Amino acid sequence: MKLNFDVKPDPRLFPYTYGEMLARAVYQRLDLEDHDGLSVHSVSWLWGDAEATSRGLVFSGLQSWSVGLREEDARRLVEDLQQDPIIIKGLEVVGGRRIHPSPIGTYRTESPVLLRLGDEHLAHSSPKASDSLTHSARRKLQKLGLPEEVSREASVEFTGDGKTKTVSVCGNQYKCNQRPIVIDAPPALQEGIMTTGIGGLTGMGLGAIAPTGSSSAND
């Protein structure tokens, strides 16, 4: 299940690693079992107006933030946020809704996508990128409990223009990608992929996706 939240920021400076902070906050609230393995959940960056400075970001106005979780975990998160809406210091959740799959299979990246082949970080322009995206998506679908033959009905590839971006997660530097994607799969599988995110480290704030049609993320 993919949930989208309205977040009210305080007028203060947030570090550029705030995406990792949001992801850790979700872990801490739910004590998710896939912390040290293949993540089948995703946590996006914030989307909205922000001023970039040399030391971090200052957000202004409501921000959009999304989390993809198994249904039971999504319900637990909603209940927890109703009790304590401050997801991290300075960010308050003030509303939310469920997101449904794109009717045409097109998605934007809500946070940069990490594609790894061994120790190599793949760029979106690599001829291996589509195979890496699809392989990752199918593995995550199988971890959600779908049979391998069902997961093979899904394929994922980049589309349109993109760029690479170096992102720091847990003190390590990763070459990631920001580029729209297309998912060729039945709606139920699209929802699974949208929930889990694409590529690596989705549980730490990378690889979140949502149907096309929104503004760009704060990075």
N, C-alpha and C. Protein backbone atom coordinates (compact mmCIF):
# COMPACT_ATOMS: atom_id res chain seq x y z
N MET A 1 0.85 -1.19 0.00
CA MET A 1 0.00 0.00 0.00
C MET A 1 0.89 1.25 0.00
N LYS A 2 0.51 2.20 -0.82
CA LYS A 2 1.28 3.45 -0.92
C LYS A 2 0.45 4.59 -0.31
N LEU A 3 1.04 5.28 0.66
CA LEU A 3 0.38 6.38 1.33
C LEU A 3 1.11 7.68 1.05
N ASN A 4 0.35 8.75 0.87
CA ASN A 4 0.91 10.08 0.66
C ASN A 4 0.44 10.99 1.79
N PHE A 5 1.38 11.74 2.37
CA PHE A 5 1.07 12.60 3.52
C PHE A 5 1.37 14.05 3.20
N ASP A 6 0.55 14.95 3.79
CA ASP A 6 0.85 16.37 3.79
C ASP A 6 1.69 16.66 5.04
N VAL A 7 2.81 17.32 4.85
CA VAL A 7 3.74 17.58 5.95
C VAL A 7 3.95 19.08 6.10
N LYS A 8 3.77 19.57 7.31
CA LYS A 8 3.97 20.99 7.62
C LYS A 8 5.35 21.17 8.24
N PRO A 9 6.24 21.92 7.57
CA PRO A 9 7.59 22.10 8.11
C PRO A 9 7.72 23.33 8.99
N ASP A 10 8.59 23.26 9.99
CA ASP A 10 8.99 24.44 10.73
C ASP A 10 9.98 25.23 9.88
N PRO A 11 10.05 26.56 10.07
CA PRO A 11 11.01 27.38 9.31
C PRO A 11 12.41 27.26 9.88
N ARG A 12 13.03 26.12 9.64
CA ARG A 12 14.37 25.87 10.18
C ARG A 12 15.20 25.15 9.13
N LEU A 13 16.49 24.98 9.39
CA LEU A 13 17.40 24.33 8.46
C LEU A 13 17.36 22.82 8.67
N PHE A 14 17.20 22.08 7.57
CA PHE A 14 17.24 20.62 7.60
C PHE A 14 18.47 20.16 6.81
N PRO A 15 19.19 19.15 7.31
CA PRO A 15 20.37 18.67 6.58
C PRO A 15 19.96 18.00 5.26
N TYR A 16 20.90 17.94 4.34
CA TYR A 16 20.61 17.30 3.06
C TYR A 16 20.35 15.80 3.22
N THR A 17 20.69 15.25 4.35
CA THR A 17 20.43 13.83 4.62
C THR A 17 19.07 13.62 5.30
N TYR A 18 18.17 14.60 5.18
CA TYR A 18 16.87 14.48 5.85
C TYR A 18 16.09 13.27 5.35
N GLY A 19 16.30 12.85 4.09
CA GLY A 19 15.60 11.67 3.56
C GLY A 19 15.93 10.42 4.36
N GLU A 20 17.20 10.26 4.72
CA GLU A 20 17.62 9.14 5.57
C GLU A 20 16.98 9.26 6.95
N MET A 21 16.87 10.48 7.46
CA MET A 21 16.25 10.70 8.78
C MET A 21 14.78 10.27 8.76
N LEU A 22 14.07 10.61 7.69
CA LEU A 22 12.67 10.20 7.56
C LEU A 22 12.56 8.68 7.52
N ALA A 23 13.46 8.05 6.76
CA ALA A 23 13.42 6.59 6.64
C ALA A 23 13.67 5.93 7.99
N ARG A 24 14.64 6.45 8.74
CA ARG A 24 14.94 5.88 10.06
C ARG A 24 13.75 6.07 11.01
N ALA A 25 13.05 7.19 10.87
CA ALA A 25 11.89 7.44 11.73
C ALA A 25 10.80 6.40 11.48
N VAL A 26 10.61 6.02 10.21
CA VAL A 26 9.62 4.98 9.89
C VAL A 26 10.05 3.65 10.50
N TYR A 27 11.32 3.29 10.36
CA TYR A 27 11.84 2.06 10.97
C TYR A 27 11.56 2.03 12.48
N GLN A 28 11.89 3.14 13.13
CA GLN A 28 11.78 3.18 14.58
C GLN A 28 10.33 3.07 15.04
N ARG A 29 9.42 3.65 14.28
CA ARG A 29 8.02 3.60 14.68
C ARG A 29 7.41 2.21 14.48
N LEU A 30 7.86 1.52 13.44
CA LEU A 30 7.22 0.25 13.08
C LEU A 30 8.07 -0.97 13.38
N ASP A 31 9.36 -0.79 13.67
CA ASP A 31 10.26 -1.92 13.92
C ASP A 31 10.15 -2.94 12.79
N LEU A 32 10.40 -2.49 11.57
CA LEU A 32 10.21 -3.32 10.38
C LEU A 32 11.19 -4.47 10.32
N GLU A 33 10.72 -5.62 9.89
CA GLU A 33 11.53 -6.84 9.93
C GLU A 33 12.58 -6.91 8.84
N ASP A 34 12.45 -6.10 7.77
CA ASP A 34 13.41 -6.18 6.66
C ASP A 34 14.54 -5.16 6.80
N HIS A 35 14.84 -4.75 8.02
CA HIS A 35 15.85 -3.72 8.24
C HIS A 35 17.21 -4.12 7.66
N ASP A 36 17.58 -5.38 7.78
CA ASP A 36 18.92 -5.80 7.34
C ASP A 36 18.89 -6.65 6.07
N GLY A 37 17.75 -6.72 5.40
CA GLY A 37 17.67 -7.53 4.20
C GLY A 37 17.11 -6.74 3.02
N LEU A 38 16.49 -7.44 2.10
CA LEU A 38 15.88 -6.81 0.93
C LEU A 38 14.62 -6.07 1.38
N SER A 39 14.61 -4.76 1.24
CA SER A 39 13.48 -3.97 1.71
C SER A 39 12.29 -4.12 0.77
N VAL A 40 11.11 -4.31 1.36
CA VAL A 40 9.88 -4.31 0.57
C VAL A 40 9.00 -3.14 1.03
N HIS A 41 9.66 -2.07 1.43
CA HIS A 41 8.96 -0.82 1.70
C HIS A 41 9.81 0.32 1.15
N SER A 42 9.22 1.48 1.01
CA SER A 42 9.94 2.63 0.47
C SER A 42 9.52 3.90 1.18
N VAL A 43 10.45 4.83 1.25
CA VAL A 43 10.22 6.12 1.91
C VAL A 43 10.74 7.22 0.99
N SER A 44 9.89 8.18 0.63
CA SER A 44 10.29 9.20 -0.32
C SER A 44 10.97 10.38 0.36
N TRP A 45 11.52 11.26 -0.46
CA TRP A 45 11.96 12.57 0.00
C TRP A 45 10.73 13.49 0.03
N LEU A 46 10.93 14.72 0.49
CA LEU A 46 9.84 15.69 0.49
C LEU A 46 9.72 16.37 -0.87
N TRP A 47 8.48 16.69 -1.23
CA TRP A 47 8.19 17.40 -2.47
C TRP A 47 7.47 18.69 -2.13
N GLY A 48 8.00 19.81 -2.59
CA GLY A 48 7.40 21.11 -2.32
C GLY A 48 8.45 22.20 -2.45
N ASP A 49 8.10 23.40 -2.02
CA ASP A 49 9.03 24.53 -2.11
C ASP A 49 10.11 24.43 -1.04
N ALA A 50 11.33 24.74 -1.44
CA ALA A 50 12.45 24.73 -0.51
C ALA A 50 13.55 25.63 -1.01
N GLU A 51 14.29 26.21 -0.07
CA GLU A 51 15.46 27.02 -0.39
C GLU A 51 16.71 26.22 -0.05
N ALA A 52 17.58 26.06 -1.04
CA ALA A 52 18.83 25.34 -0.81
C ALA A 52 19.91 26.30 -0.34
N THR A 53 20.60 25.94 0.73
CA THR A 53 21.72 26.73 1.23
C THR A 53 22.97 25.85 1.26
N SER A 54 24.08 26.44 1.64
CA SER A 54 25.33 25.67 1.71
C SER A 54 25.30 24.64 2.83
N ARG A 55 24.41 24.81 3.79
CA ARG A 55 24.37 23.92 4.95
C ARG A 55 23.14 23.02 5.01
N GLY A 56 22.21 23.21 4.07
CA GLY A 56 21.01 22.38 4.10
C GLY A 56 19.84 23.05 3.41
N LEU A 57 18.62 22.60 3.74
CA LEU A 57 17.40 23.05 3.09
C LEU A 57 16.47 23.73 4.09
N VAL A 58 15.78 24.77 3.62
CA VAL A 58 14.71 25.39 4.39
C VAL A 58 13.42 25.20 3.60
N PHE A 59 12.49 24.42 4.14
CA PHE A 59 11.24 24.15 3.45
C PHE A 59 10.22 25.24 3.74
N SER A 60 9.34 25.50 2.78
CA SER A 60 8.27 26.47 2.98
C SER A 60 6.98 25.93 2.40
N GLY A 61 5.88 26.13 3.11
CA GLY A 61 4.59 25.61 2.66
C GLY A 61 4.49 24.11 2.89
N LEU A 62 3.28 23.58 2.65
CA LEU A 62 3.08 22.15 2.82
C LEU A 62 3.96 21.35 1.88
N GLN A 63 4.49 20.25 2.39
CA GLN A 63 5.31 19.33 1.62
C GLN A 63 4.55 18.02 1.42
N SER A 64 4.86 17.35 0.32
CA SER A 64 4.28 16.03 0.04
C SER A 64 5.32 14.97 0.37
N TRP A 65 4.89 13.92 1.07
CA TRP A 65 5.79 12.84 1.49
C TRP A 65 5.04 11.52 1.39
N SER A 66 5.69 10.49 0.87
CA SER A 66 4.99 9.22 0.72
C SER A 66 5.80 8.05 1.29
N VAL A 67 5.06 7.02 1.69
CA VAL A 67 5.64 5.81 2.25
C VAL A 67 4.90 4.62 1.66
N GLY A 68 5.65 3.60 1.21
CA GLY A 68 5.05 2.37 0.72
C GLY A 68 5.31 1.24 1.70
N LEU A 69 4.24 0.57 2.15
CA LEU A 69 4.35 -0.46 3.18
C LEU A 69 3.36 -1.59 2.92
N ARG A 70 3.66 -2.77 3.49
CA ARG A 70 2.63 -3.80 3.54
C ARG A 70 1.40 -3.21 4.21
N GLU A 71 0.22 -3.75 3.85
CA GLU A 71 -1.02 -3.12 4.30
C GLU A 71 -1.11 -3.03 5.82
N GLU A 72 -0.72 -4.08 6.52
CA GLU A 72 -0.83 -4.05 7.98
C GLU A 72 0.12 -3.02 8.59
N ASP A 73 1.32 -2.86 7.98
CA ASP A 73 2.26 -1.85 8.47
C ASP A 73 1.78 -0.44 8.14
N ALA A 74 1.14 -0.28 6.97
CA ALA A 74 0.60 1.03 6.61
C ALA A 74 -0.46 1.47 7.61
N ARG A 75 -1.31 0.55 8.00
CA ARG A 75 -2.35 0.89 8.98
C ARG A 75 -1.73 1.24 10.33
N ARG A 76 -0.67 0.52 10.71
CA ARG A 76 0.00 0.83 11.98
C ARG A 76 0.63 2.22 11.94
N LEU A 77 1.21 2.58 10.78
CA LEU A 77 1.84 3.89 10.67
C LEU A 77 0.79 5.00 10.78
N VAL A 78 -0.34 4.82 10.11
CA VAL A 78 -1.40 5.82 10.19
C VAL A 78 -1.86 6.00 11.63
N GLU A 79 -2.07 4.91 12.33
CA GLU A 79 -2.51 4.99 13.73
C GLU A 79 -1.46 5.67 14.59
N ASP A 80 -0.19 5.37 14.34
CA ASP A 80 0.89 5.97 15.13
C ASP A 80 0.98 7.47 14.87
N LEU A 81 0.82 7.88 13.60
CA LEU A 81 0.90 9.29 13.27
C LEU A 81 -0.28 10.07 13.82
N GLN A 82 -1.41 9.42 13.98
CA GLN A 82 -2.56 10.08 14.60
C GLN A 82 -2.26 10.39 16.07
N GLN A 83 -1.46 9.53 16.70
CA GLN A 83 -1.09 9.74 18.10
C GLN A 83 0.06 10.74 18.23
N ASP A 84 1.02 10.66 17.31
CA ASP A 84 2.19 11.54 17.35
C ASP A 84 2.54 11.94 15.92
N PRO A 85 2.04 13.08 15.45
CA PRO A 85 2.22 13.47 14.04
C PRO A 85 3.59 14.08 13.72
N ILE A 86 4.46 14.26 14.71
CA ILE A 86 5.79 14.82 14.44
C ILE A 86 6.68 13.67 13.97
N ILE A 87 6.89 13.54 12.66
CA ILE A 87 7.63 12.40 12.13
C ILE A 87 9.12 12.52 12.45
N ILE A 88 9.69 13.71 12.29
CA ILE A 88 11.00 14.06 12.85
C ILE A 88 10.90 15.50 13.32
N LYS A 89 11.85 15.95 14.12
CA LYS A 89 11.80 17.30 14.66
C LYS A 89 11.65 18.32 13.54
N GLY A 90 10.59 19.12 13.63
CA GLY A 90 10.36 20.17 12.64
C GLY A 90 9.44 19.79 11.51
N LEU A 91 8.98 18.54 11.44
CA LEU A 91 8.09 18.09 10.36
C LEU A 91 6.86 17.42 10.97
N GLU A 92 5.69 18.01 10.73
CA GLU A 92 4.44 17.51 11.28
C GLU A 92 3.52 17.02 10.18
N VAL A 93 3.04 15.78 10.30
CA VAL A 93 2.07 15.24 9.34
C VAL A 93 0.69 15.78 9.68
N VAL A 94 0.04 16.42 8.69
CA VAL A 94 -1.26 17.07 8.93
C VAL A 94 -2.38 16.50 8.07
N GLY A 95 -2.09 15.50 7.26
CA GLY A 95 -3.13 14.88 6.43
C GLY A 95 -2.52 13.76 5.62
N GLY A 96 -3.39 12.93 5.02
CA GLY A 96 -2.87 11.82 4.23
C GLY A 96 -3.94 11.16 3.40
N ARG A 97 -3.48 10.30 2.49
CA ARG A 97 -4.37 9.60 1.56
C ARG A 97 -3.65 8.41 0.96
N ARG A 98 -4.40 7.52 0.37
CA ARG A 98 -3.81 6.39 -0.34
C ARG A 98 -3.56 6.76 -1.80
N ILE A 99 -2.44 6.27 -2.35
CA ILE A 99 -2.12 6.47 -3.76
C ILE A 99 -2.42 5.18 -4.52
N HIS A 100 -3.02 5.31 -5.69
CA HIS A 100 -3.32 4.15 -6.53
C HIS A 100 -2.38 4.11 -7.73
N PRO A 101 -2.19 2.94 -8.34
CA PRO A 101 -1.26 2.81 -9.47
C PRO A 101 -1.65 3.70 -10.64
N SER A 102 -0.66 4.05 -11.44
CA SER A 102 -0.90 4.83 -12.66
C SER A 102 -1.74 4.03 -13.64
N PRO A 103 -2.77 4.62 -14.22
CA PRO A 103 -3.57 3.89 -15.21
C PRO A 103 -2.82 3.63 -16.51
N ILE A 104 -1.71 4.36 -16.72
CA ILE A 104 -0.95 4.17 -17.96
C ILE A 104 0.47 3.65 -17.68
N GLY A 105 0.76 3.32 -16.43
CA GLY A 105 2.04 2.70 -16.10
C GLY A 105 3.23 3.62 -16.04
N THR A 106 3.01 4.95 -15.98
CA THR A 106 4.14 5.89 -15.93
C THR A 106 4.29 6.45 -14.53
N TYR A 107 5.55 6.55 -14.09
CA TYR A 107 5.85 6.97 -12.72
C TYR A 107 7.02 7.93 -12.69
N ARG A 108 7.00 8.80 -11.70
CA ARG A 108 8.14 9.67 -11.44
C ARG A 108 8.93 9.10 -10.26
N THR A 109 10.19 9.46 -10.18
CA THR A 109 11.00 9.04 -9.04
C THR A 109 10.87 10.10 -7.95
N GLU A 110 10.40 9.70 -6.78
CA GLU A 110 10.25 10.61 -5.65
C GLU A 110 11.55 10.78 -4.88
N SER A 111 12.49 9.92 -5.14
CA SER A 111 13.84 10.02 -4.59
C SER A 111 14.77 9.29 -5.55
N PRO A 112 16.05 9.62 -5.57
CA PRO A 112 16.97 9.02 -6.53
C PRO A 112 17.02 7.50 -6.45
N VAL A 113 17.26 6.88 -7.60
CA VAL A 113 17.24 5.42 -7.73
C VAL A 113 18.67 4.88 -7.79
N LEU A 114 18.96 3.93 -6.92
CA LEU A 114 20.27 3.29 -6.90
C LEU A 114 20.20 1.94 -7.62
N LEU A 115 20.99 1.81 -8.67
CA LEU A 115 21.09 0.54 -9.41
C LEU A 115 22.50 0.00 -9.22
N ARG A 116 22.58 -1.23 -8.69
CA ARG A 116 23.89 -1.83 -8.42
C ARG A 116 24.06 -3.13 -9.17
N LEU A 117 25.24 -3.31 -9.74
CA LEU A 117 25.62 -4.58 -10.34
C LEU A 117 26.95 -4.95 -9.71
N GLY A 118 26.90 -5.79 -8.67
CA GLY A 118 28.10 -6.03 -7.89
C GLY A 118 28.49 -4.74 -7.17
N ASP A 119 29.73 -4.31 -7.35
CA ASP A 119 30.20 -3.06 -6.74
C ASP A 119 29.98 -1.86 -7.65
N GLU A 120 29.45 -2.09 -8.85
CA GLU A 120 29.25 -1.02 -9.83
C GLU A 120 27.90 -0.35 -9.62
N HIS A 121 27.89 0.99 -9.65
CA HIS A 121 26.64 1.75 -9.62
C HIS A 121 26.29 2.13 -11.05
N LEU A 122 25.14 1.66 -11.53
CA LEU A 122 24.76 1.87 -12.92
C LEU A 122 24.10 3.22 -13.13
N ALA A 123 24.43 3.88 -14.23
CA ALA A 123 23.74 5.10 -14.64
C ALA A 123 22.47 4.73 -15.39
N HIS A 124 21.51 5.64 -15.40
CA HIS A 124 20.24 5.37 -16.09
C HIS A 124 20.42 5.12 -17.59
N SER A 125 21.52 5.62 -18.15
CA SER A 125 21.79 5.44 -19.58
C SER A 125 22.47 4.12 -19.90
N SER A 126 22.84 3.35 -18.88
CA SER A 126 23.52 2.08 -19.10
C SER A 126 22.61 1.09 -19.82
N PRO A 127 23.15 0.31 -20.76
CA PRO A 127 22.32 -0.72 -21.41
C PRO A 127 21.86 -1.80 -20.44
N LYS A 128 22.48 -1.85 -19.25
CA LYS A 128 22.09 -2.84 -18.24
C LYS A 128 21.01 -2.31 -17.30
N ALA A 129 20.62 -1.03 -17.44
CA ALA A 129 19.73 -0.41 -16.46
C ALA A 129 18.36 -1.07 -16.41
N SER A 130 17.76 -1.33 -17.56
CA SER A 130 16.42 -1.90 -17.57
C SER A 130 16.40 -3.29 -16.95
N ASP A 131 17.41 -4.10 -17.28
CA ASP A 131 17.48 -5.44 -16.68
C ASP A 131 17.63 -5.35 -15.16
N SER A 132 18.43 -4.38 -14.69
CA SER A 132 18.63 -4.22 -13.25
C SER A 132 17.33 -3.78 -12.57
N LEU A 133 16.62 -2.83 -13.17
CA LEU A 133 15.34 -2.38 -12.62
C LEU A 133 14.35 -3.53 -12.54
N THR A 134 14.24 -4.29 -13.62
CA THR A 134 13.28 -5.38 -13.67
C THR A 134 13.63 -6.48 -12.68
N HIS A 135 14.91 -6.83 -12.61
CA HIS A 135 15.34 -7.88 -11.69
C HIS A 135 15.03 -7.50 -10.25
N SER A 136 15.34 -6.25 -9.89
CA SER A 136 15.07 -5.77 -8.54
C SER A 136 13.57 -5.80 -8.24
N ALA A 137 12.76 -5.33 -9.18
CA ALA A 137 11.31 -5.30 -8.97
C ALA A 137 10.75 -6.71 -8.78
N ARG A 138 11.20 -7.65 -9.57
CA ARG A 138 10.69 -9.03 -9.46
C ARG A 138 11.10 -9.67 -8.13
N ARG A 139 12.33 -9.43 -7.69
CA ARG A 139 12.77 -9.97 -6.40
C ARG A 139 11.91 -9.44 -5.26
N LYS A 140 11.59 -8.15 -5.30
CA LYS A 140 10.78 -7.56 -4.25
C LYS A 140 9.36 -8.11 -4.28
N LEU A 141 8.80 -8.30 -5.47
CA LEU A 141 7.46 -8.89 -5.58
C LEU A 141 7.44 -10.30 -5.00
N GLN A 142 8.50 -11.05 -5.26
CA GLN A 142 8.57 -12.40 -4.71
C GLN A 142 8.68 -12.37 -3.19
N LYS A 143 9.41 -11.40 -2.64
CA LYS A 143 9.50 -11.29 -1.18
C LYS A 143 8.16 -10.90 -0.57
N LEU A 144 7.33 -10.20 -1.36
CA LEU A 144 5.99 -9.89 -0.89
C LEU A 144 5.09 -11.12 -0.85
N GLY A 145 5.58 -12.22 -1.46
CA GLY A 145 4.83 -13.47 -1.41
C GLY A 145 4.26 -13.94 -2.73
N LEU A 146 4.58 -13.23 -3.82
CA LEU A 146 4.08 -13.63 -5.13
C LEU A 146 4.96 -14.72 -5.73
N PRO A 147 4.37 -15.68 -6.43
CA PRO A 147 5.17 -16.72 -7.10
C PRO A 147 6.09 -16.12 -8.16
N GLU A 148 7.22 -16.78 -8.41
CA GLU A 148 8.17 -16.27 -9.39
C GLU A 148 7.54 -16.09 -10.75
N GLU A 149 6.67 -17.05 -11.16
CA GLU A 149 6.08 -16.94 -12.49
C GLU A 149 5.16 -15.74 -12.60
N VAL A 150 4.53 -15.35 -11.50
CA VAL A 150 3.68 -14.15 -11.52
C VAL A 150 4.54 -12.90 -11.60
N SER A 151 5.64 -12.87 -10.86
CA SER A 151 6.52 -11.69 -10.87
C SER A 151 7.10 -11.44 -12.25
N ARG A 152 7.22 -12.50 -13.05
CA ARG A 152 7.80 -12.35 -14.39
C ARG A 152 6.86 -11.62 -15.35
N GLU A 153 5.65 -11.34 -14.92
CA GLU A 153 4.73 -10.55 -15.74
C GLU A 153 5.08 -9.06 -15.69
N ALA A 154 6.01 -8.68 -14.82
CA ALA A 154 6.37 -7.27 -14.64
C ALA A 154 7.73 -6.96 -15.28
N SER A 155 7.81 -5.82 -15.94
CA SER A 155 9.08 -5.29 -16.42
C SER A 155 9.10 -3.78 -16.18
N VAL A 156 10.31 -3.26 -15.97
CA VAL A 156 10.48 -1.85 -15.61
C VAL A 156 11.61 -1.26 -16.45
N GLU A 157 11.42 -0.03 -16.93
CA GLU A 157 12.49 0.64 -17.66
C GLU A 157 12.38 2.15 -17.49
N PHE A 158 13.50 2.83 -17.68
CA PHE A 158 13.51 4.29 -17.65
C PHE A 158 12.90 4.83 -18.94
N THR A 159 12.38 6.06 -18.86
CA THR A 159 11.87 6.74 -20.03
C THR A 159 12.15 8.23 -19.90
N GLY A 160 12.11 8.96 -20.99
CA GLY A 160 12.31 10.40 -20.93
C GLY A 160 13.73 10.79 -20.54
N ASP A 161 13.88 12.03 -20.10
CA ASP A 161 15.19 12.57 -19.75
C ASP A 161 15.52 12.26 -18.29
N GLY A 162 16.81 12.15 -18.00
CA GLY A 162 17.23 11.85 -16.64
C GLY A 162 18.57 12.47 -16.31
N LYS A 163 18.97 12.29 -15.07
CA LYS A 163 20.27 12.77 -14.61
C LYS A 163 20.78 11.87 -13.50
N THR A 164 22.08 11.91 -13.26
CA THR A 164 22.66 11.18 -12.15
C THR A 164 22.92 12.15 -11.00
N LYS A 165 22.95 11.60 -9.80
CA LYS A 165 23.13 12.42 -8.60
C LYS A 165 23.83 11.58 -7.54
N THR A 166 24.84 12.13 -6.92
CA THR A 166 25.52 11.43 -5.82
C THR A 166 24.79 11.72 -4.52
N VAL A 167 24.43 10.66 -3.81
CA VAL A 167 23.64 10.78 -2.59
C VAL A 167 24.39 10.10 -1.45
N SER A 168 24.38 10.73 -0.27
CA SER A 168 25.00 10.16 0.92
C SER A 168 23.94 9.43 1.74
N VAL A 169 24.19 8.15 2.03
CA VAL A 169 23.32 7.35 2.89
C VAL A 169 24.20 6.60 3.87
N CYS A 170 23.94 6.76 5.15
CA CYS A 170 24.72 6.10 6.20
C CYS A 170 26.22 6.40 6.07
N GLY A 171 26.53 7.60 5.60
CA GLY A 171 27.92 8.01 5.47
C GLY A 171 28.61 7.52 4.21
N ASN A 172 27.91 6.75 3.37
CA ASN A 172 28.48 6.25 2.12
C ASN A 172 27.91 7.04 0.94
N GLN A 173 28.71 7.14 -0.13
CA GLN A 173 28.31 7.88 -1.31
C GLN A 173 27.83 6.92 -2.40
N TYR A 174 26.67 7.22 -2.98
CA TYR A 174 26.09 6.36 -4.02
C TYR A 174 25.74 7.20 -5.25
N LYS A 175 26.11 6.70 -6.42
CA LYS A 175 25.70 7.35 -7.66
C LYS A 175 24.30 6.86 -8.02
N CYS A 176 23.36 7.76 -8.00
CA CYS A 176 21.95 7.40 -8.20
C CYS A 176 21.39 8.11 -9.42
N ASN A 177 20.13 7.83 -9.71
CA ASN A 177 19.49 8.31 -10.93
C ASN A 177 18.12 8.92 -10.65
N GLN A 178 17.84 10.00 -11.36
CA GLN A 178 16.51 10.61 -11.32
C GLN A 178 15.98 10.66 -12.76
N ARG A 179 14.98 9.83 -13.01
CA ARG A 179 14.43 9.73 -14.37
C ARG A 179 13.08 9.02 -14.29
N PRO A 180 12.09 9.45 -15.06
CA PRO A 180 10.80 8.76 -15.05
C PRO A 180 10.95 7.30 -15.46
N ILE A 181 10.00 6.47 -15.03
CA ILE A 181 10.02 5.06 -15.39
C ILE A 181 8.67 4.63 -15.94
N VAL A 182 8.69 3.53 -16.65
CA VAL A 182 7.48 2.88 -17.15
C VAL A 182 7.44 1.46 -16.60
N ILE A 183 6.30 1.08 -16.04
CA ILE A 183 6.11 -0.29 -15.56
C ILE A 183 5.11 -0.98 -16.46
N ASP A 184 5.53 -2.07 -17.07
CA ASP A 184 4.65 -2.89 -17.89
C ASP A 184 4.23 -4.09 -17.04
N ALA A 185 3.03 -4.01 -16.46
CA ALA A 185 2.56 -5.06 -15.55
C ALA A 185 1.08 -4.82 -15.26
N PRO A 186 0.36 -5.87 -14.85
CA PRO A 186 -1.03 -5.68 -14.40
C PRO A 186 -1.08 -4.71 -13.21
N PRO A 187 -2.22 -4.05 -12.96
CA PRO A 187 -2.33 -3.07 -11.88
C PRO A 187 -1.89 -3.58 -10.52
N ALA A 188 -2.22 -4.82 -10.19
CA ALA A 188 -1.85 -5.34 -8.86
C ALA A 188 -0.33 -5.41 -8.71
N LEU A 189 0.38 -5.79 -9.78
CA LEU A 189 1.84 -5.84 -9.71
C LEU A 189 2.43 -4.43 -9.70
N GLN A 190 1.82 -3.52 -10.45
CA GLN A 190 2.28 -2.13 -10.41
C GLN A 190 2.18 -1.58 -8.99
N GLU A 191 1.08 -1.90 -8.31
CA GLU A 191 0.93 -1.42 -6.93
C GLU A 191 2.01 -2.00 -6.02
N GLY A 192 2.35 -3.27 -6.24
CA GLY A 192 3.42 -3.87 -5.46
C GLY A 192 4.75 -3.18 -5.69
N ILE A 193 5.06 -2.88 -6.93
CA ILE A 193 6.33 -2.21 -7.25
C ILE A 193 6.33 -0.79 -6.73
N MET A 194 5.20 -0.09 -6.85
CA MET A 194 5.08 1.27 -6.32
C MET A 194 5.27 1.27 -4.81
N THR A 195 4.78 0.23 -4.15
CA THR A 195 4.91 0.13 -2.70
C THR A 195 6.36 -0.10 -2.29
N THR A 196 7.02 -1.06 -2.93
CA THR A 196 8.38 -1.43 -2.52
C THR A 196 9.43 -0.45 -2.99
N GLY A 197 9.12 0.33 -4.03
CA GLY A 197 10.14 1.16 -4.65
C GLY A 197 11.01 0.34 -5.58
N ILE A 198 11.95 1.00 -6.26
CA ILE A 198 12.79 0.33 -7.25
C ILE A 198 14.26 0.52 -6.91
N GLY A 199 15.07 -0.47 -7.26
CA GLY A 199 16.50 -0.40 -7.00
C GLY A 199 16.84 -0.69 -5.55
N GLY A 200 18.02 -0.24 -5.13
CA GLY A 200 18.52 -0.54 -3.80
C GLY A 200 18.23 0.54 -2.78
N LEU A 201 18.33 0.17 -1.50
CA LEU A 201 18.19 1.08 -0.36
C LEU A 201 16.87 1.83 -0.34
N THR A 202 15.80 1.19 -0.80
CA THR A 202 14.49 1.85 -0.77
C THR A 202 14.04 2.11 0.67
N GLY A 203 14.44 1.25 1.58
CA GLY A 203 14.08 1.45 2.98
C GLY A 203 14.84 2.58 3.64
N MET A 204 15.87 3.11 2.96
CA MET A 204 16.66 4.21 3.50
C MET A 204 16.45 5.50 2.71
N GLY A 205 15.35 5.57 1.98
CA GLY A 205 14.98 6.83 1.34
C GLY A 205 15.32 6.93 -0.13
N LEU A 206 15.76 5.84 -0.77
CA LEU A 206 16.04 5.87 -2.20
C LEU A 206 14.98 5.07 -2.96
N GLY A 207 14.83 5.37 -4.25
CA GLY A 207 14.02 4.54 -5.14
C GLY A 207 12.52 4.61 -4.94
N ALA A 208 12.00 5.62 -4.24
CA ALA A 208 10.55 5.76 -4.11
C ALA A 208 9.97 6.27 -5.42
N ILE A 209 8.80 5.78 -5.79
CA ILE A 209 8.15 6.20 -7.03
C ILE A 209 6.67 6.47 -6.77
N ALA A 210 6.08 7.28 -7.66
CA ALA A 210 4.65 7.59 -7.59
C ALA A 210 4.16 7.91 -9.00
N PRO A 211 2.87 7.79 -9.26
CA PRO A 211 2.33 8.12 -10.58
C PRO A 211 2.76 9.53 -11.01
N THR A 212 3.00 9.72 -12.29
CA THR A 212 3.45 11.01 -12.81
C THR A 212 2.40 12.08 -12.57
N GLY A 213 2.89 13.34 -12.52
CA GLY A 213 1.96 14.44 -12.40
C GLY A 213 2.24 15.40 -11.26
N SER A 214 3.33 15.18 -10.50
CA SER A 214 3.64 16.07 -9.38
C SER A 214 4.92 16.85 -9.65
N SER A 215 5.22 17.79 -8.77
CA SER A 215 6.41 18.62 -8.92
C SER A 215 7.66 17.88 -8.50
N SER A 216 8.81 18.51 -8.62
CA SER A 216 10.08 17.84 -8.35
C SER A 216 10.42 17.79 -6.87
N ALA A 217 11.28 16.84 -6.52
CA ALA A 217 11.63 16.63 -5.11
C ALA A 217 12.64 17.63 -4.61
N ASN A 218 12.71 17.77 -3.30
CA ASN A 218 13.68 18.66 -2.68
C ASN A 218 14.99 17.92 -2.48
N ASP A 219 16.01 18.34 -3.18
CA ASP A 219 17.31 17.67 -3.10
C ASP A 219 18.44 18.69 -3.03
